[in-house]
Amino acid sequence: MIIERELNMQKSTRTADRSGAHRWTSRALGGIAILFMLFDGIGKLVGPVPVVEATRELGFAESHLAIMGILSLLATLLYIVPRTAFLGALLLTAYLGGAVAAQVRIDAPLFSNTLFPVYVAVLVWGALWLRDERLRKLLSGGA
């Protein structure tokens, strides 16, 4: 009986350690993605010269910057709020998919430019997967 209690305590300690590690890793991954997306969205709304030039190089008009910035920030804000994080992740994935398409269209370098939005999407979904047990169950095929 004492051994059984000790084993249960060890198991709960490991679970607590793992959930604490999940929580902090999720915060780090999500924080990086959120900071990048906030920087991207605000940059598009403010419109400094380098952002405007880069947007033109991708084939967009300067008038597109505001709507792109609003969409980026809206999706990011939905992702930040725990209750709407899944919807935010879906919208960010769609937004980032458009960024990949824009990079492919101009034959940008694969690993540095074209796949960068994919890296951000992996951070978004990785953070969500770590912090949301329902998502882990859904993706693992569990009920």
C-alpha atoms as a PDB file:
ATOM      1  CA  MET A   1       0.000   0.000   0.000  1.00  0.00           C
ATOM      2  CA  ILE A   2       2.827   2.398   0.838  1.00  0.00           C
ATOM      3  CA  ILE A   3       4.643   1.351  -2.337  1.00  0.00           C
ATOM      4  CA  GLU A   4       1.487   1.917  -4.378  1.00  0.00           C
ATOM      5  CA  ARG A   5       1.063   5.421  -2.922  1.00  0.00           C
ATOM      6  CA  GLU A   6       4.722   6.191  -3.640  1.00  0.00           C
ATOM      7  CA  LEU A   7       4.354   5.032  -7.256  1.00  0.00           C
ATOM      8  CA  ASN A   8       1.244   7.174  -7.705  1.00  0.00           C
ATOM      9  CA  MET A   9       3.091  10.206  -6.279  1.00  0.00           C
ATOM     10  CA  GLN A  10       6.002   9.649  -8.659  1.00  0.00           C
ATOM     11  CA  LYS A  11       3.616   9.298 -11.600  1.00  0.00           C
ATOM     12  CA  SER A  12       1.730  12.501 -10.706  1.00  0.00           C
ATOM     13  CA  THR A  13       5.044  14.358 -10.271  1.00  0.00           C
ATOM     14  CA  ARG A  14       6.174  13.248 -13.755  1.00  0.00           C
ATOM     15  CA  THR A  15       2.819  14.310 -15.218  1.00  0.00           C
ATOM     16  CA  ALA A  16       3.020  17.691 -13.492  1.00  0.00           C
ATOM     17  CA  ASP A  17       6.612  18.173 -14.708  1.00  0.00           C
ATOM     18  CA  ARG A  18       5.614  17.257 -18.250  1.00  0.00           C
ATOM     19  CA  SER A  19       2.581  19.554 -18.222  1.00  0.00           C
ATOM     20  CA  GLY A  20       4.761  22.370 -16.851  1.00  0.00           C
ATOM     21  CA  ALA A  21       7.299  21.746 -19.599  1.00  0.00           C
ATOM     22  CA  HIS A  22       4.462  21.666 -22.165  1.00  0.00           C
ATOM     23  CA  ARG A  23       3.100  24.931 -20.828  1.00  0.00           C
ATOM     24  CA  TRP A  24       6.423  26.784 -20.987  1.00  0.00           C
ATOM     25  CA  THR A  25       7.407  25.331 -24.344  1.00  0.00           C
ATOM     26  CA  SER A  26       3.977  26.274 -25.684  1.00  0.00           C
ATOM     27  CA  ARG A  27       4.377  29.816 -24.384  1.00  0.00           C
ATOM     28  CA  ALA A  28       7.795  30.143 -25.998  1.00  0.00           C
ATOM     29  CA  LEU A  29       6.724  28.756 -29.385  1.00  0.00           C
ATOM     30  CA  GLY A  30       3.461  30.681 -29.427  1.00  0.00           C
ATOM     31  CA  GLY A  31       5.167  33.842 -28.217  1.00  0.00           C
ATOM     32  CA  ILE A  32       7.657  33.770 -31.086  1.00  0.00           C
ATOM     33  CA  ALA A  33       4.863  33.263 -33.624  1.00  0.00           C
ATOM     34  CA  ILE A  34       2.698  35.965 -32.022  1.00  0.00           C
ATOM     35  CA  LEU A  35       5.540  38.497 -31.936  1.00  0.00           C
ATOM     36  CA  PHE A  36       6.351  37.847 -35.581  1.00  0.00           C
ATOM     37  CA  MET A  37       2.709  38.177 -36.641  1.00  0.00           C
ATOM     38  CA  LEU A  38       2.223  41.367 -34.601  1.00  0.00           C
ATOM     39  CA  PHE A  39       5.380  42.810 -36.148  1.00  0.00           C
ATOM     40  CA  ASP A  40       4.123  41.804 -39.606  1.00  0.00           C
ATOM     41  CA  GLY A  41       0.621  43.213 -39.142  1.00  0.00           C
ATOM     42  CA  ILE A  42       1.701  46.466 -37.524  1.00  0.00           C
ATOM     43  CA  GLY A  43       4.416  46.877 -40.146  1.00  0.00           C
ATOM     44  CA  LYS A  44       1.830  46.580 -42.888  1.00  0.00           C
ATOM     45  CA  LEU A  45      -0.437  49.145 -41.215  1.00  0.00           C
ATOM     46  CA  VAL A  46       2.357  51.638 -40.527  1.00  0.00           C
ATOM     47  CA  GLY A  47       3.891  51.076 -43.973  1.00  0.00           C
ATOM     48  CA  PRO A  48       7.589  51.912 -43.601  1.00  0.00           C
ATOM     49  CA  VAL A  49       9.501  52.117 -46.880  1.00  0.00           C
ATOM     50  CA  PRO A  50      11.121  48.638 -46.678  1.00  0.00           C
ATOM     51  CA  VAL A  51       7.715  46.995 -46.093  1.00  0.00           C
ATOM     52  CA  VAL A  52       6.143  48.894 -48.982  1.00  0.00           C
ATOM     53  CA  GLU A  53       9.018  47.966 -51.313  1.00  0.00           C
ATOM     54  CA  ALA A  54       8.935  44.298 -50.285  1.00  0.00           C
ATOM     55  CA  THR A  55       5.171  44.203 -50.835  1.00  0.00           C
ATOM     56  CA  ARG A  56       5.558  45.691 -54.310  1.00  0.00           C
ATOM     57  CA  GLU A  57       8.255  43.105 -55.127  1.00  0.00           C
ATOM     58  CA  LEU A  58       5.720  40.398 -54.256  1.00  0.00           C
ATOM     59  CA  GLY A  59       3.303  41.896 -56.776  1.00  0.00           C
ATOM     60  CA  PHE A  60       0.912  43.665 -54.393  1.00  0.00           C
ATOM     61  CA  ALA A  61      -0.098  47.304 -54.587  1.00  0.00           C
ATOM     62  CA  GLU A  62       0.544  49.636 -51.668  1.00  0.00           C
ATOM     63  CA  SER A  63      -3.224  49.872 -51.202  1.00  0.00           C
ATOM     64  CA  HIS A  64      -3.253  46.174 -50.262  1.00  0.00           C
ATOM     65  CA  LEU A  65      -1.092  46.747 -47.183  1.00  0.00           C
ATOM     66  CA  ALA A  66      -3.893  47.910 -44.888  1.00  0.00           C
ATOM     67  CA  ILE A  67      -6.184  44.945 -45.547  1.00  0.00           C
ATOM     68  CA  MET A  68      -3.270  42.515 -45.221  1.00  0.00           C
ATOM     69  CA  GLY A  69      -2.250  44.125 -41.920  1.00  0.00           C
ATOM     70  CA  ILE A  70      -5.797  44.009 -40.553  1.00  0.00           C
ATOM     71  CA  LEU A  71      -6.238  40.357 -41.544  1.00  0.00           C
ATOM     72  CA  SER A  72      -2.893  39.447 -40.000  1.00  0.00           C
ATOM     73  CA  LEU A  73      -3.665  41.228 -36.733  1.00  0.00           C
ATOM     74  CA  LEU A  74      -7.217  39.894 -36.536  1.00  0.00           C
ATOM     75  CA  ALA A  75      -6.071  36.294 -36.948  1.00  0.00           C
ATOM     76  CA  THR A  76      -3.272  36.864 -34.420  1.00  0.00           C
ATOM     77  CA  LEU A  77      -5.635  38.359 -31.843  1.00  0.00           C
ATOM     78  CA  LEU A  78      -7.994  35.405 -32.249  1.00  0.00           C
ATOM     79  CA  TYR A  79      -5.012  33.081 -31.735  1.00  0.00           C
ATOM     80  CA  ILE A  80      -3.948  34.908 -28.563  1.00  0.00           C
ATOM     81  CA  VAL A  81      -7.358  34.460 -26.874  1.00  0.00           C
ATOM     82  CA  PRO A  82      -7.507  30.869 -25.522  1.00  0.00           C
ATOM     83  CA  ARG A  83     -11.193  30.432 -26.332  1.00  0.00           C
ATOM     84  CA  THR A  84     -10.673  31.351 -30.025  1.00  0.00           C
ATOM     85  CA  ALA A  85      -7.112  30.060 -30.442  1.00  0.00           C
ATOM     86  CA  PHE A  86      -8.122  27.202 -32.751  1.00  0.00           C
ATOM     87  CA  LEU A  87      -9.960  29.578 -35.114  1.00  0.00           C
ATOM     88  CA  GLY A  88      -7.021  31.970 -34.962  1.00  0.00           C
ATOM     89  CA  ALA A  89      -4.615  29.155 -35.850  1.00  0.00           C
ATOM     90  CA  LEU A  90      -6.781  28.208 -38.841  1.00  0.00           C
ATOM     91  CA  LEU A  91      -6.903  31.812 -40.064  1.00  0.00           C
ATOM     92  CA  LEU A  92      -3.170  32.287 -39.530  1.00  0.00           C
ATOM     93  CA  THR A  93      -2.531  29.116 -41.522  1.00  0.00           C
ATOM     94  CA  ALA A  94      -4.626  30.489 -44.389  1.00  0.00           C
ATOM     95  CA  TYR A  95      -2.837  33.847 -44.233  1.00  0.00           C
ATOM     96  CA  LEU A  96       0.570  32.172 -44.140  1.00  0.00           C
ATOM     97  CA  GLY A  97      -0.441  29.912 -47.027  1.00  0.00           C
ATOM     98  CA  GLY A  98      -1.031  33.048 -49.082  1.00  0.00           C
ATOM     99  CA  ALA A  99       2.428  34.242 -48.105  1.00  0.00           C
ATOM    100  CA  VAL A 100       3.911  30.979 -49.386  1.00  0.00           C
ATOM    101  CA  ALA A 101       2.016  31.375 -52.663  1.00  0.00           C
ATOM    102  CA  ALA A 102       3.309  34.929 -53.057  1.00  0.00           C
ATOM    103  CA  GLN A 103       6.890  33.750 -52.508  1.00  0.00           C
ATOM    104  CA  VAL A 104       6.514  30.856 -54.954  1.00  0.00           C
ATOM    105  CA  ARG A 105       5.123  33.231 -57.592  1.00  0.00           C
ATOM    106  CA  ILE A 106       8.331  35.288 -57.622  1.00  0.00           C
ATOM    107  CA  ASP A 107      10.639  32.242 -57.384  1.00  0.00           C
ATOM    108  CA  ALA A 108      12.014  33.323 -53.993  1.00  0.00           C
ATOM    109  CA  PRO A 109      14.685  31.165 -52.338  1.00  0.00           C
ATOM    110  CA  LEU A 110      13.052  28.035 -50.911  1.00  0.00           C
ATOM    111  CA  PHE A 111      14.388  27.654 -47.367  1.00  0.00           C
ATOM    112  CA  SER A 112      14.865  31.306 -46.408  1.00  0.00           C
ATOM    113  CA  ASN A 113      11.823  32.967 -47.979  1.00  0.00           C
ATOM    114  CA  THR A 114       9.293  30.507 -49.370  1.00  0.00           C
ATOM    115  CA  LEU A 115       9.214  28.172 -46.379  1.00  0.00           C
ATOM    116  CA  PHE A 116       9.467  30.877 -43.700  1.00  0.00           C
ATOM    117  CA  PRO A 117       5.660  31.163 -43.394  1.00  0.00           C
ATOM    118  CA  VAL A 118       5.550  27.378 -42.999  1.00  0.00           C
ATOM    119  CA  TYR A 119       8.005  27.642 -40.111  1.00  0.00           C
ATOM    120  CA  VAL A 120       5.737  30.215 -38.447  1.00  0.00           C
ATOM    121  CA  ALA A 121       2.690  27.960 -38.980  1.00  0.00           C
ATOM    122  CA  VAL A 122       4.575  25.062 -37.356  1.00  0.00           C
ATOM    123  CA  LEU A 123       5.231  27.286 -34.321  1.00  0.00           C
ATOM    124  CA  VAL A 124       1.544  28.271 -34.191  1.00  0.00           C
ATOM    125  CA  TRP A 125       0.242  24.705 -34.362  1.00  0.00           C
ATOM    126  CA  GLY A 126       3.027  23.256 -32.211  1.00  0.00           C
ATOM    127  CA  ALA A 127       2.227  25.699 -29.410  1.00  0.00           C
ATOM    128  CA  LEU A 128      -1.487  24.975 -29.696  1.00  0.00           C
ATOM    129  CA  TRP A 129      -0.870  21.207 -29.736  1.00  0.00           C
ATOM    130  CA  LEU A 130       1.218  21.452 -26.560  1.00  0.00           C
ATOM    131  CA  ARG A 131      -1.325  23.497 -24.614  1.00  0.00           C
ATOM    132  CA  ASP A 132      -4.599  21.932 -25.793  1.00  0.00           C
ATOM    133  CA  GLU A 133      -5.231  18.333 -24.794  1.00  0.00           C
ATOM    134  CA  ARG A 134      -8.374  18.216 -26.977  1.00  0.00           C
ATOM    135  CA  LEU A 135      -6.269  18.978 -30.065  1.00  0.00           C
ATOM    136  CA  ARG A 136      -3.772  16.271 -29.114  1.00  0.00           C
ATOM    137  CA  LYS A 137      -6.600  13.758 -28.760  1.00  0.00           C
ATOM    138  CA  LEU A 138      -8.161  14.868 -32.045  1.00  0.00           C
ATOM    139  CA  LEU A 139      -4.895  14.536 -33.949  1.00  0.00           C
ATOM    140  CA  SER A 140      -3.980  11.230 -32.334  1.00  0.00           C
ATOM    141  CA  GLY A 141      -7.314   9.711 -33.375  1.00  0.00           C
ATOM    142  CA  GLY A 142      -8.556   9.416 -29.786  1.00  0.00           C
ATOM    143  CA  ALA A 143     -12.130  10.209 -28.832  1.00  0.00           C
END
